[in-house]
């Protein structure tokens, strides 16, 4: 099996010109945990904001500035300041066995899937692997 077999291709992403508040609201309103960051100028993938990074950033702001200043601080902090710029990317043809091992070794929650021109075409998450396992286990139970 390949990445294309289980990746989500309806990707919610965010502009590199956005703020942390924009990302926070987008994650809440759209029910996503990870956001690829897209260049406003080129439309290409330039970063990623994993759920863990967003949570730790908001908690650090809350602890440092207090609840009263959190909204203002989120609105003034650029997404570029917290996005991960050095991250693994996948192609749709990557074998799932290699990707699974990468998730295990690096304890990641997501990996963006890009085409040859670095445009986002999908995302694969640890939840996608859990769904795949559930499907495989369901088949195994039905056949036994």
Protein backbone atom coordinates (compact mmCIF):
# COMPACT_ATOMS: atom_id res chain seq x y z
CA UNK A 1 0.00 0.00 0.00
CA UNK A 2 1.03 3.58 -0.66
CA UNK A 3 0.43 6.93 1.04
CA UNK A 4 -2.20 7.80 -1.58
CA UNK A 5 -4.31 4.86 -0.34
CA UNK A 6 -4.96 6.36 3.10
CA UNK A 7 -4.06 10.07 2.93
CA UNK A 8 -6.69 12.76 3.36
CA UNK A 9 -6.84 14.89 0.23
CA UNK A 10 -9.25 17.48 1.60
CA UNK A 11 -6.52 19.43 3.38
CA UNK A 12 -7.23 22.47 5.53
CA UNK A 13 -4.18 24.74 5.36
CA UNK A 14 -3.24 28.24 6.44
CA UNK A 15 -1.32 31.13 4.90
CA UNK A 16 2.16 31.99 6.10
CA UNK A 17 0.84 35.55 6.63
CA UNK A 18 -1.71 34.42 9.23
CA UNK A 19 -1.48 34.80 13.01
CA UNK A 20 -1.55 32.24 15.77
CA UNK A 21 -5.12 33.37 16.52
CA UNK A 22 -6.10 32.57 12.91
CA UNK A 23 -4.59 29.09 13.24
CA UNK A 24 -6.17 28.53 16.65
CA UNK A 25 -9.63 29.46 15.34
CA UNK A 26 -9.19 27.43 12.16
CA UNK A 27 -8.22 24.34 14.14
CA UNK A 28 -11.20 24.79 16.47
CA UNK A 29 -13.81 25.61 13.82
CA UNK A 30 -12.76 23.02 11.26
CA UNK A 31 -11.91 20.27 13.74
CA UNK A 32 -8.37 19.73 12.50
CA UNK A 33 -5.30 19.05 14.56
CA UNK A 34 -2.54 19.86 12.07
CA UNK A 35 -2.14 22.71 9.60
CA UNK A 36 0.16 22.82 6.61
CA UNK A 37 1.40 26.38 6.11
CA UNK A 38 1.24 27.62 2.53
CA UNK A 39 3.24 30.52 1.07
CA UNK A 40 1.00 33.46 0.24
CA UNK A 41 3.27 34.24 -2.72
CA UNK A 42 3.83 30.81 -4.29
CA UNK A 43 1.09 28.57 -2.89
CA UNK A 44 3.76 26.03 -1.94
CA UNK A 45 4.24 24.29 1.39
CA UNK A 46 6.60 26.25 3.65
CA UNK A 47 5.84 24.87 7.10
CA UNK A 48 3.55 22.89 9.35
CA UNK A 49 1.83 23.53 12.65
CA UNK A 50 1.28 20.27 14.50
CA UNK A 51 -1.33 20.08 17.25
CA UNK A 52 1.32 19.65 19.96
CA UNK A 53 3.10 22.82 18.83
CA UNK A 54 -0.12 24.86 18.89
CA UNK A 55 -1.06 23.62 22.35
CA UNK A 56 2.38 24.27 23.82
CA UNK A 57 2.51 27.76 22.25
CA UNK A 58 -0.90 28.76 23.61
CA UNK A 59 -0.12 27.34 27.07
CA UNK A 60 3.23 29.16 27.15
CA UNK A 61 1.52 32.43 26.17
CA UNK A 62 -1.15 31.87 28.81
CA UNK A 63 1.46 31.22 31.50
CA UNK A 64 3.64 34.14 30.44
CA UNK A 65 1.03 36.82 29.73
CA UNK A 66 -2.11 35.65 31.55
CA UNK A 67 -5.61 34.92 30.31
CA UNK A 68 -6.45 38.59 29.81
CA UNK A 69 -3.63 39.14 27.32
CA UNK A 70 -3.81 35.78 25.52
CA UNK A 71 -6.15 36.91 22.73
CA UNK A 72 -4.12 40.04 22.03
CA UNK A 73 -0.82 38.11 22.03
CA UNK A 74 -2.22 35.44 19.68
CA UNK A 75 -3.42 38.15 17.27
CA UNK A 76 0.02 39.82 17.23
CA UNK A 77 2.13 36.69 16.77
CA UNK A 78 2.77 35.57 13.20
CA UNK A 79 2.34 31.94 12.24
CA UNK A 80 5.87 32.06 10.80
CA UNK A 81 7.18 32.53 14.35
CA UNK A 82 5.95 29.12 15.51
CA UNK A 83 5.61 26.96 12.40
CA UNK A 84 8.01 24.10 11.93
CA UNK A 85 10.14 24.77 8.88
CA UNK A 86 12.30 21.67 9.04
CA UNK A 87 10.00 18.67 8.68
CA UNK A 88 9.56 15.49 6.69
CA UNK A 89 7.39 15.61 3.59
CA UNK A 90 5.94 12.68 1.67
CA UNK A 91 4.96 11.90 -1.87
CA UNK A 92 1.78 10.00 -2.66
CA UNK A 93 3.81 7.01 -3.86
CA UNK A 94 5.72 6.42 -0.60
CA UNK A 95 5.23 2.88 0.75
CA UNK A 96 3.14 2.85 3.93
CA UNK A 97 5.54 0.49 5.70
CA UNK A 98 8.29 3.13 5.54
CA UNK A 99 5.94 5.91 6.62
CA UNK A 100 4.63 3.87 9.56
CA UNK A 101 8.18 3.31 10.78
CA UNK A 102 8.89 7.03 10.43
CA UNK A 103 5.83 7.84 12.59
CA UNK A 104 6.98 5.33 15.21
CA UNK A 105 10.58 6.54 15.31
CA UNK A 106 9.76 10.25 15.37
CA UNK A 107 6.49 10.27 17.36
CA UNK A 108 4.83 12.56 14.83
CA UNK A 109 1.14 13.28 14.48
CA UNK A 110 1.13 14.17 10.79
CA UNK A 111 3.10 14.41 7.59
CA UNK A 112 2.14 16.57 4.61
CA UNK A 113 1.95 14.97 1.16
CA UNK A 114 3.31 17.11 -1.68
CA UNK A 115 3.63 16.87 -5.44
CA UNK A 116 6.85 17.45 -7.40
CA UNK A 117 6.34 21.23 -7.25
CA UNK A 118 5.90 21.28 -3.43
CA UNK A 119 2.16 21.93 -3.53
CA UNK A 120 0.17 20.17 -0.82
CA UNK A 121 -1.98 17.36 -2.22
CA UNK A 122 -2.77 15.60 1.03
CA UNK A 123 -1.93 14.91 4.63
CA UNK A 124 -1.40 11.68 6.47
CA UNK A 125 -1.91 11.42 10.22
CA UNK A 126 -1.39 8.84 12.89
CA UNK A 127 -5.20 8.57 12.97
CA UNK A 128 -5.12 7.45 9.34
CA UNK A 129 -2.97 4.50 10.42
CA UNK A 130 -5.33 3.66 13.28
CA UNK A 131 -8.26 3.64 10.81
CA UNK A 132 -6.27 1.37 8.49
CA UNK A 133 -5.52 -1.00 11.37
CA UNK A 134 -9.20 -1.08 12.34
CA UNK A 135 -10.14 -1.92 8.75
CA UNK A 136 -7.54 -4.70 8.54
CA UNK A 137 -8.55 -6.10 11.92
CA UNK A 138 -12.21 -6.03 10.89
CA UNK A 139 -11.40 -8.03 7.76
CA UNK A 140 -9.36 -10.52 9.78
CA UNK A 141 -12.23 -11.05 12.22
CA UNK A 142 -14.73 -11.57 9.39
CA UNK A 143 -12.56 -14.17 7.70
CA UNK A 144 -11.93 -16.21 10.86
